[in-house]
Amino acid sequence: MDLKEKLLELLKECGEAHKKYEAEELGGKTDQDWQSWYATFLLERKFDELFEEEVTAESLKQSLESASKKHKEIKDKNFLARILCRLFLI
């Protein structure tokens, strides 16, 4: 499995887990600080070990926020994962 496939798999797992978190822990409400939740989830699963450069919770959160802004402009449910892969593979 190449890096892009690993990233997509991990992001998909993260998205599914976050959806469950919102439903079960937040009573169906939208998590306004989802970027922090994603960053924690990804780092707990050794996301940072996929890269040579340091990946911190804050840098990951900023990348997620940037990708989210681009995602809101396009109505493609897979776009966010693709943008994130591009951000991390550059």
C-alpha atoms as a PDB file:
ATOM      1  CA  MET A   1       0.000   0.000   0.000  1.00  0.00           C
ATOM      2  CA  ASP A   2       1.477   3.337  -1.025  1.00  0.00           C
ATOM      3  CA  LEU A   3       1.408   6.506   1.068  1.00  0.00           C
ATOM      4  CA  LYS A   4      -1.621   7.991  -0.704  1.00  0.00           C
ATOM      5  CA  GLU A   5      -3.653   4.825  -0.083  1.00  0.00           C
ATOM      6  CA  LYS A   6      -2.595   4.786   3.576  1.00  0.00           C
ATOM      7  CA  LEU A   7      -3.621   8.425   3.960  1.00  0.00           C
ATOM      8  CA  LEU A   8      -6.993   7.875   2.318  1.00  0.00           C
ATOM      9  CA  GLU A   9      -7.654   4.802   4.453  1.00  0.00           C
ATOM     10  CA  LEU A  10      -6.732   6.613   7.668  1.00  0.00           C
ATOM     11  CA  LEU A  11      -8.808   9.679   6.743  1.00  0.00           C
ATOM     12  CA  LYS A  12     -11.802   7.502   5.922  1.00  0.00           C
ATOM     13  CA  GLU A  13     -11.460   5.702   9.272  1.00  0.00           C
ATOM     14  CA  CYS A  14     -11.188   9.070  11.005  1.00  0.00           C
ATOM     15  CA  GLY A  15     -14.290  10.416   9.276  1.00  0.00           C
ATOM     16  CA  GLU A  16     -16.338   7.353  10.193  1.00  0.00           C
ATOM     17  CA  ALA A  17     -15.177   7.491  13.810  1.00  0.00           C
ATOM     18  CA  HIS A  18     -15.965  11.204  14.027  1.00  0.00           C
ATOM     19  CA  LYS A  19     -19.444  10.688  12.626  1.00  0.00           C
ATOM     20  CA  LYS A  20     -20.041   8.097  15.352  1.00  0.00           C
ATOM     21  CA  TYR A  21     -18.603  10.484  17.967  1.00  0.00           C
ATOM     22  CA  GLU A  22     -20.978  13.251  16.901  1.00  0.00           C
ATOM     23  CA  ALA A  23     -23.948  10.895  16.996  1.00  0.00           C
ATOM     24  CA  GLU A  24     -23.151   9.189  20.298  1.00  0.00           C
ATOM     25  CA  GLU A  25     -21.174  11.711  22.322  1.00  0.00           C
ATOM     26  CA  LEU A  26     -22.629  14.975  21.038  1.00  0.00           C
ATOM     27  CA  GLY A  27     -26.190  13.761  20.650  1.00  0.00           C
ATOM     28  CA  GLY A  28     -26.231  14.344  16.907  1.00  0.00           C
ATOM     29  CA  LYS A  29     -24.891  17.886  17.101  1.00  0.00           C
ATOM     30  CA  THR A  30     -22.142  19.132  14.808  1.00  0.00           C
ATOM     31  CA  ASP A  31     -18.686  19.238  16.380  1.00  0.00           C
ATOM     32  CA  GLN A  32     -17.575  22.853  15.941  1.00  0.00           C
ATOM     33  CA  ASP A  33     -13.977  21.919  16.802  1.00  0.00           C
ATOM     34  CA  TRP A  34     -13.794  18.859  14.573  1.00  0.00           C
ATOM     35  CA  GLN A  35     -10.271  19.746  13.430  1.00  0.00           C
ATOM     36  CA  SER A  36      -8.904  19.198  16.935  1.00  0.00           C
ATOM     37  CA  TRP A  37     -10.759  15.889  17.214  1.00  0.00           C
ATOM     38  CA  TYR A  38      -9.405  14.740  13.843  1.00  0.00           C
ATOM     39  CA  ALA A  39      -5.855  15.800  14.737  1.00  0.00           C
ATOM     40  CA  THR A  40      -5.951  13.863  18.003  1.00  0.00           C
ATOM     41  CA  PHE A  41      -7.461  10.785  16.331  1.00  0.00           C
ATOM     42  CA  LEU A  42      -4.911  10.809  13.509  1.00  0.00           C
ATOM     43  CA  LEU A  43      -1.915  11.313  15.785  1.00  0.00           C
ATOM     44  CA  GLU A  44      -3.083   8.516  18.094  1.00  0.00           C
ATOM     45  CA  ARG A  45      -2.918   6.263  15.032  1.00  0.00           C
ATOM     46  CA  LYS A  46       0.677   7.259  14.240  1.00  0.00           C
ATOM     47  CA  PHE A  47      -0.231   9.588  11.353  1.00  0.00           C
ATOM     48  CA  ASP A  48       2.927  11.588  12.032  1.00  0.00           C
ATOM     49  CA  GLU A  49       5.117   8.538  11.416  1.00  0.00           C
ATOM     50  CA  LEU A  50       4.109   8.526   7.742  1.00  0.00           C
ATOM     51  CA  PHE A  51       6.179  11.675   7.129  1.00  0.00           C
ATOM     52  CA  GLU A  52       9.786  12.694   7.485  1.00  0.00           C
ATOM     53  CA  GLU A  53       8.983  16.190   8.706  1.00  0.00           C
ATOM     54  CA  GLU A  54       7.417  16.813  12.089  1.00  0.00           C
ATOM     55  CA  VAL A  55       3.612  16.746  12.222  1.00  0.00           C
ATOM     56  CA  THR A  56       2.167  18.361  15.328  1.00  0.00           C
ATOM     57  CA  ALA A  57      -1.434  18.564  16.473  1.00  0.00           C
ATOM     58  CA  GLU A  58      -1.439  22.285  15.694  1.00  0.00           C
ATOM     59  CA  SER A  59       0.036  21.931  12.193  1.00  0.00           C
ATOM     60  CA  LEU A  60      -2.373  19.117  11.441  1.00  0.00           C
ATOM     61  CA  LYS A  61      -5.310  21.164  12.718  1.00  0.00           C
ATOM     62  CA  GLN A  62      -4.272  24.080  10.471  1.00  0.00           C
ATOM     63  CA  SER A  63      -4.027  21.774   7.438  1.00  0.00           C
ATOM     64  CA  LEU A  64      -7.464  20.385   8.189  1.00  0.00           C
ATOM     65  CA  GLU A  65      -8.911  23.899   8.471  1.00  0.00           C
ATOM     66  CA  SER A  66      -7.348  24.896   5.153  1.00  0.00           C
ATOM     67  CA  ALA A  67      -8.663  21.789   3.403  1.00  0.00           C
ATOM     68  CA  SER A  68     -12.095  22.354   4.904  1.00  0.00           C
ATOM     69  CA  LYS A  69     -12.291  25.861   3.460  1.00  0.00           C
ATOM     70  CA  LYS A  70     -11.510  24.501  -0.005  1.00  0.00           C
ATOM     71  CA  HIS A  71     -13.978  21.659   0.506  1.00  0.00           C
ATOM     72  CA  LYS A  72     -16.846  24.049   1.259  1.00  0.00           C
ATOM     73  CA  GLU A  73     -16.406  25.572  -2.185  1.00  0.00           C
ATOM     74  CA  ILE A  74     -16.961  22.223  -3.944  1.00  0.00           C
ATOM     75  CA  LYS A  75     -19.831  19.795  -3.393  1.00  0.00           C
ATOM     76  CA  ASP A  76     -17.880  16.537  -3.673  1.00  0.00           C
ATOM     77  CA  LYS A  77     -17.950  14.256  -0.642  1.00  0.00           C
ATOM     78  CA  ASN A  78     -14.514  12.798  -1.448  1.00  0.00           C
ATOM     79  CA  PHE A  79     -12.907  16.159  -2.142  1.00  0.00           C
ATOM     80  CA  LEU A  80     -11.831  16.768   1.453  1.00  0.00           C
ATOM     81  CA  ALA A  81      -9.885  13.506   1.597  1.00  0.00           C
ATOM     82  CA  ARG A  82      -8.210  14.241  -1.751  1.00  0.00           C
ATOM     83  CA  ILE A  83      -7.265  17.775  -0.695  1.00  0.00           C
ATOM     84  CA  LEU A  84      -5.822  16.476   2.554  1.00  0.00           C
ATOM     85  CA  CYS A  85      -3.769  13.904   0.688  1.00  0.00           C
ATOM     86  CA  ARG A  86      -2.398  16.632  -1.566  1.00  0.00           C
ATOM     87  CA  LEU A  87      -1.559  18.819   1.425  1.00  0.00           C
ATOM     88  CA  PHE A  88       0.351  16.033   3.136  1.00  0.00           C
ATOM     89  CA  LEU A  89       2.058  14.687   0.035  1.00  0.00           C
ATOM     90  CA  ILE A  90       3.552  18.030  -1.048  1.00  0.00           C
END
